[in-house]
Amino acid sequence: MNRAPTHWRAFFGNVEPEFALIGAVILFALRDARRAPTNRHRAAARDDARAYLAGPAFADDCAWLNLDPDRARRALGLPSAANSSPGES
C-alpha cells in the first residue's frame, strides 16, 4: 500500500496533487528563506529560496493557489513585485 498521498492529504486537505505540490514548494521556500545560514549549503538554499520568492515563478505559483505573493514577500522583508521593477531607481 502506498502511503505517500496520505501525508500530503493530511497536511493540505483533500486537494488535487498538483495544488499540494505547489503548496509544498512554497512552504519549503518560505522555510528555507528564513533559515540562518549555518553552513554553505544552508546559505545556498536560503539564497535560492529568496531568488524564487522574489521572482515571477513564485507569483505564478501563488496565482494557482489564490494567494497574495506580495504578502509573503513583505513578511520576509523582500521587496514586492510592484517595488522591484527593472530600471526603477
N, C-alpha and C. Protein backbone atom coordinates (compact mmCIF):
# COMPACT_ATOMS: atom_id res chain seq x y z
N MET A 1 0.84 -1.19 0.00
CA MET A 1 0.00 0.00 0.00
C MET A 1 0.88 1.24 0.00
N ASN A 2 0.62 2.15 -0.88
CA ASN A 2 1.39 3.39 -0.98
C ASN A 2 0.80 4.42 -0.02
N ARG A 3 1.61 4.90 0.92
CA ARG A 3 1.11 5.84 1.92
C ARG A 3 1.47 7.29 1.61
N ALA A 4 2.21 7.55 0.55
CA ALA A 4 2.63 8.91 0.24
C ALA A 4 1.47 9.89 0.14
N PRO A 5 0.37 9.58 -0.55
CA PRO A 5 -0.73 10.55 -0.63
C PRO A 5 -1.34 10.89 0.72
N THR A 6 -1.28 9.96 1.68
CA THR A 6 -1.83 10.21 2.99
C THR A 6 -1.15 11.40 3.65
N HIS A 7 0.16 11.52 3.48
CA HIS A 7 0.90 12.59 4.13
C HIS A 7 0.49 13.95 3.60
N TRP A 8 0.49 14.12 2.29
CA TRP A 8 0.12 15.44 1.78
C TRP A 8 -1.35 15.74 2.00
N ARG A 9 -2.20 14.71 1.96
CA ARG A 9 -3.63 14.95 2.22
C ARG A 9 -3.84 15.37 3.67
N ALA A 10 -3.07 14.81 4.58
CA ALA A 10 -3.21 15.20 5.99
C ALA A 10 -2.80 16.65 6.19
N PHE A 11 -1.82 17.11 5.45
CA PHE A 11 -1.34 18.48 5.61
C PHE A 11 -2.17 19.48 4.82
N PHE A 12 -2.47 19.17 3.57
CA PHE A 12 -3.16 20.11 2.69
C PHE A 12 -4.66 19.87 2.56
N GLY A 13 -5.15 18.79 3.13
CA GLY A 13 -6.57 18.50 3.00
C GLY A 13 -6.84 17.77 1.70
N ASN A 14 -8.08 17.74 1.32
CA ASN A 14 -8.49 17.00 0.13
C ASN A 14 -8.39 17.90 -1.10
N VAL A 15 -7.17 18.08 -1.57
CA VAL A 15 -6.92 18.91 -2.76
C VAL A 15 -6.26 18.04 -3.83
N GLU A 16 -6.26 18.56 -5.02
CA GLU A 16 -5.59 17.85 -6.12
C GLU A 16 -4.09 17.78 -5.83
N PRO A 17 -3.42 16.72 -6.28
CA PRO A 17 -1.99 16.58 -6.03
C PRO A 17 -1.15 17.75 -6.56
N GLU A 18 -1.57 18.32 -7.68
CA GLU A 18 -0.81 19.44 -8.25
C GLU A 18 -0.81 20.64 -7.31
N PHE A 19 -1.94 20.90 -6.68
CA PHE A 19 -2.03 22.01 -5.74
C PHE A 19 -1.20 21.73 -4.48
N ALA A 20 -1.21 20.48 -4.04
CA ALA A 20 -0.41 20.10 -2.88
C ALA A 20 1.08 20.26 -3.18
N LEU A 21 1.49 19.91 -4.39
CA LEU A 21 2.89 20.06 -4.78
C LEU A 21 3.30 21.53 -4.78
N ILE A 22 2.49 22.38 -5.38
CA ILE A 22 2.80 23.81 -5.42
C ILE A 22 2.84 24.36 -3.99
N GLY A 23 1.90 23.93 -3.17
CA GLY A 23 1.89 24.37 -1.78
C GLY A 23 3.14 23.95 -1.04
N ALA A 24 3.60 22.73 -1.29
CA ALA A 24 4.81 22.25 -0.64
C ALA A 24 6.04 23.03 -1.10
N VAL A 25 6.11 23.33 -2.38
CA VAL A 25 7.22 24.13 -2.91
C VAL A 25 7.27 25.48 -2.21
N ILE A 26 6.10 26.13 -2.09
CA ILE A 26 6.04 27.43 -1.44
C ILE A 26 6.42 27.31 0.03
N LEU A 27 5.90 26.33 0.73
CA LEU A 27 6.23 26.17 2.15
C LEU A 27 7.72 25.94 2.37
N PHE A 28 8.33 25.08 1.56
CA PHE A 28 9.76 24.84 1.71
C PHE A 28 10.58 26.08 1.38
N ALA A 29 10.15 26.83 0.38
CA ALA A 29 10.87 28.07 0.03
C ALA A 29 10.77 29.08 1.17
N LEU A 30 9.60 29.21 1.75
CA LEU A 30 9.43 30.13 2.88
C LEU A 30 10.29 29.69 4.06
N ARG A 31 10.32 28.40 4.33
CA ARG A 31 11.15 27.88 5.42
C ARG A 31 12.63 28.14 5.15
N ASP A 32 13.08 27.80 3.94
CA ASP A 32 14.49 27.97 3.61
C ASP A 32 14.91 29.43 3.60
N ALA A 33 14.01 30.32 3.18
CA ALA A 33 14.34 31.74 3.12
C ALA A 33 14.53 32.33 4.51
N ARG A 34 13.92 31.74 5.51
CA ARG A 34 14.02 32.26 6.88
C ARG A 34 15.13 31.62 7.69
N ARG A 35 15.72 30.55 7.21
CA ARG A 35 16.75 29.84 7.96
C ARG A 35 18.05 30.63 8.03
N ALA A 36 18.69 30.51 9.16
CA ALA A 36 20.01 31.12 9.31
C ALA A 36 21.03 30.30 8.52
N PRO A 37 21.93 30.98 7.83
CA PRO A 37 22.92 30.25 7.02
C PRO A 37 24.05 29.71 7.90
N THR A 38 23.81 28.57 8.55
CA THR A 38 24.80 27.99 9.45
C THR A 38 25.95 27.31 8.71
N ASN A 39 25.73 26.99 7.45
CA ASN A 39 26.81 26.43 6.63
C ASN A 39 26.56 26.84 5.18
N ARG A 40 27.49 26.50 4.30
CA ARG A 40 27.37 26.97 2.92
C ARG A 40 26.18 26.36 2.18
N HIS A 41 25.78 25.15 2.56
CA HIS A 41 24.63 24.51 1.91
C HIS A 41 23.34 25.21 2.30
N ARG A 42 23.22 25.55 3.58
CA ARG A 42 22.02 26.28 4.01
C ARG A 42 22.01 27.69 3.44
N ALA A 43 23.18 28.28 3.33
CA ALA A 43 23.26 29.63 2.74
C ALA A 43 22.83 29.57 1.28
N ALA A 44 23.25 28.55 0.56
CA ALA A 44 22.86 28.41 -0.85
C ALA A 44 21.36 28.15 -0.96
N ALA A 45 20.81 27.30 -0.08
CA ALA A 45 19.37 27.03 -0.10
C ALA A 45 18.59 28.29 0.22
N ARG A 46 19.09 29.08 1.17
CA ARG A 46 18.42 30.33 1.52
C ARG A 46 18.44 31.30 0.34
N ASP A 47 19.59 31.42 -0.31
CA ASP A 47 19.71 32.32 -1.45
C ASP A 47 18.81 31.87 -2.60
N ASP A 48 18.76 30.56 -2.87
CA ASP A 48 17.88 30.03 -3.92
C ASP A 48 16.41 30.30 -3.59
N ALA A 49 16.04 30.08 -2.32
CA ALA A 49 14.65 30.30 -1.91
C ALA A 49 14.28 31.77 -2.05
N ARG A 50 15.17 32.66 -1.64
CA ARG A 50 14.87 34.09 -1.75
C ARG A 50 14.78 34.54 -3.20
N ALA A 51 15.60 33.96 -4.07
CA ALA A 51 15.52 34.28 -5.50
C ALA A 51 14.18 33.81 -6.07
N TYR A 52 13.75 32.61 -5.68
CA TYR A 52 12.44 32.10 -6.13
C TYR A 52 11.32 33.00 -5.63
N LEU A 53 11.36 33.37 -4.35
CA LEU A 53 10.30 34.19 -3.76
C LEU A 53 10.24 35.58 -4.37
N ALA A 54 11.37 36.09 -4.83
CA ALA A 54 11.40 37.43 -5.43
C ALA A 54 11.03 37.41 -6.91
N GLY A 55 10.97 36.23 -7.50
CA GLY A 55 10.79 36.14 -8.95
C GLY A 55 9.37 35.86 -9.40
N PRO A 56 9.19 35.81 -10.71
CA PRO A 56 7.86 35.61 -11.28
C PRO A 56 7.30 34.20 -11.09
N ALA A 57 8.16 33.20 -10.92
CA ALA A 57 7.66 31.83 -10.73
C ALA A 57 6.86 31.73 -9.43
N PHE A 58 7.32 32.43 -8.40
CA PHE A 58 6.60 32.44 -7.13
C PHE A 58 5.22 33.07 -7.30
N ALA A 59 5.16 34.18 -8.01
CA ALA A 59 3.87 34.84 -8.26
C ALA A 59 2.94 33.91 -9.04
N ASP A 60 3.48 33.21 -10.03
CA ASP A 60 2.67 32.26 -10.81
C ASP A 60 2.14 31.13 -9.93
N ASP A 61 3.02 30.58 -9.07
CA ASP A 61 2.60 29.51 -8.17
C ASP A 61 1.53 30.00 -7.20
N CYS A 62 1.69 31.21 -6.69
CA CYS A 62 0.68 31.78 -5.78
C CYS A 62 -0.64 31.95 -6.49
N ALA A 63 -0.62 32.33 -7.76
CA ALA A 63 -1.85 32.50 -8.52
C ALA A 63 -2.64 31.20 -8.59
N TRP A 64 -1.94 30.08 -8.73
CA TRP A 64 -2.61 28.78 -8.77
C TRP A 64 -3.37 28.52 -7.48
N LEU A 65 -2.83 29.00 -6.37
CA LEU A 65 -3.44 28.74 -5.06
C LEU A 65 -4.25 29.91 -4.53
N ASN A 66 -4.41 30.95 -5.36
CA ASN A 66 -5.15 32.14 -4.98
C ASN A 66 -4.55 32.80 -3.73
N LEU A 67 -3.23 32.92 -3.71
CA LEU A 67 -2.51 33.56 -2.62
C LEU A 67 -1.91 34.87 -3.09
N ASP A 68 -1.67 35.77 -2.17
CA ASP A 68 -1.05 37.06 -2.48
C ASP A 68 0.47 36.93 -2.29
N PRO A 69 1.25 36.91 -3.38
CA PRO A 69 2.70 36.73 -3.23
C PRO A 69 3.37 37.90 -2.51
N ASP A 70 2.85 39.10 -2.67
CA ASP A 70 3.47 40.25 -2.02
C ASP A 70 3.32 40.21 -0.50
N ARG A 71 2.28 39.58 -0.02
CA ARG A 71 2.11 39.45 1.43
C ARG A 71 3.24 38.60 2.02
N ALA A 72 3.55 37.49 1.37
CA ALA A 72 4.66 36.64 1.83
C ALA A 72 5.98 37.37 1.70
N ARG A 73 6.15 38.09 0.61
CA ARG A 73 7.39 38.84 0.42
C ARG A 73 7.57 39.89 1.51
N ARG A 74 6.51 40.60 1.84
CA ARG A 74 6.59 41.62 2.89
C ARG A 74 6.94 40.99 4.23
N ALA A 75 6.36 39.84 4.53
CA ALA A 75 6.62 39.17 5.80
C ALA A 75 8.09 38.78 5.94
N LEU A 76 8.75 38.53 4.81
CA LEU A 76 10.17 38.16 4.82
C LEU A 76 11.08 39.36 4.64
N GLY A 77 10.49 40.53 4.46
CA GLY A 77 11.31 41.72 4.24
C GLY A 77 11.85 41.82 2.83
N LEU A 78 11.24 41.11 1.90
CA LEU A 78 11.65 41.18 0.49
C LEU A 78 10.80 42.24 -0.21
N PRO A 79 11.33 42.86 -1.25
CA PRO A 79 10.53 43.85 -1.97
C PRO A 79 9.37 43.18 -2.71
N SER A 80 8.25 43.87 -2.78
CA SER A 80 7.12 43.35 -3.53
C SER A 80 7.40 43.52 -5.02
N ALA A 81 6.63 42.85 -5.84
CA ALA A 81 6.83 42.93 -7.29
C ALA A 81 6.64 44.36 -7.78
N ALA A 82 5.73 45.11 -7.17
CA ALA A 82 5.48 46.49 -7.59
C ALA A 82 6.65 47.39 -7.27
N ASN A 83 7.45 47.01 -6.25
CA ASN A 83 8.57 47.83 -5.83
C ASN A 83 9.90 47.39 -6.43
N SER A 84 9.89 46.36 -7.27
CA SER A 84 11.15 45.83 -7.78
C SER A 84 11.18 45.77 -9.30
N SER A 85 10.57 46.74 -9.95
CA SER A 85 10.56 46.77 -11.40
C SER A 85 11.96 47.06 -11.93
N PRO A 86 12.39 46.37 -13.00
CA PRO A 86 13.71 46.63 -13.57
C PRO A 86 13.81 48.07 -14.08
N GLY A 87 14.95 48.68 -13.85
CA GLY A 87 15.19 50.02 -14.34
C GLY A 87 14.66 51.11 -13.45
N GLU A 88 13.99 50.73 -12.36
CA GLU A 88 13.43 51.73 -11.46
C GLU A 88 14.46 52.07 -10.40
N SER A 89 14.61 53.33 -10.04
CA SER A 89 15.57 53.70 -9.02
C SER A 89 14.92 53.91 -7.70
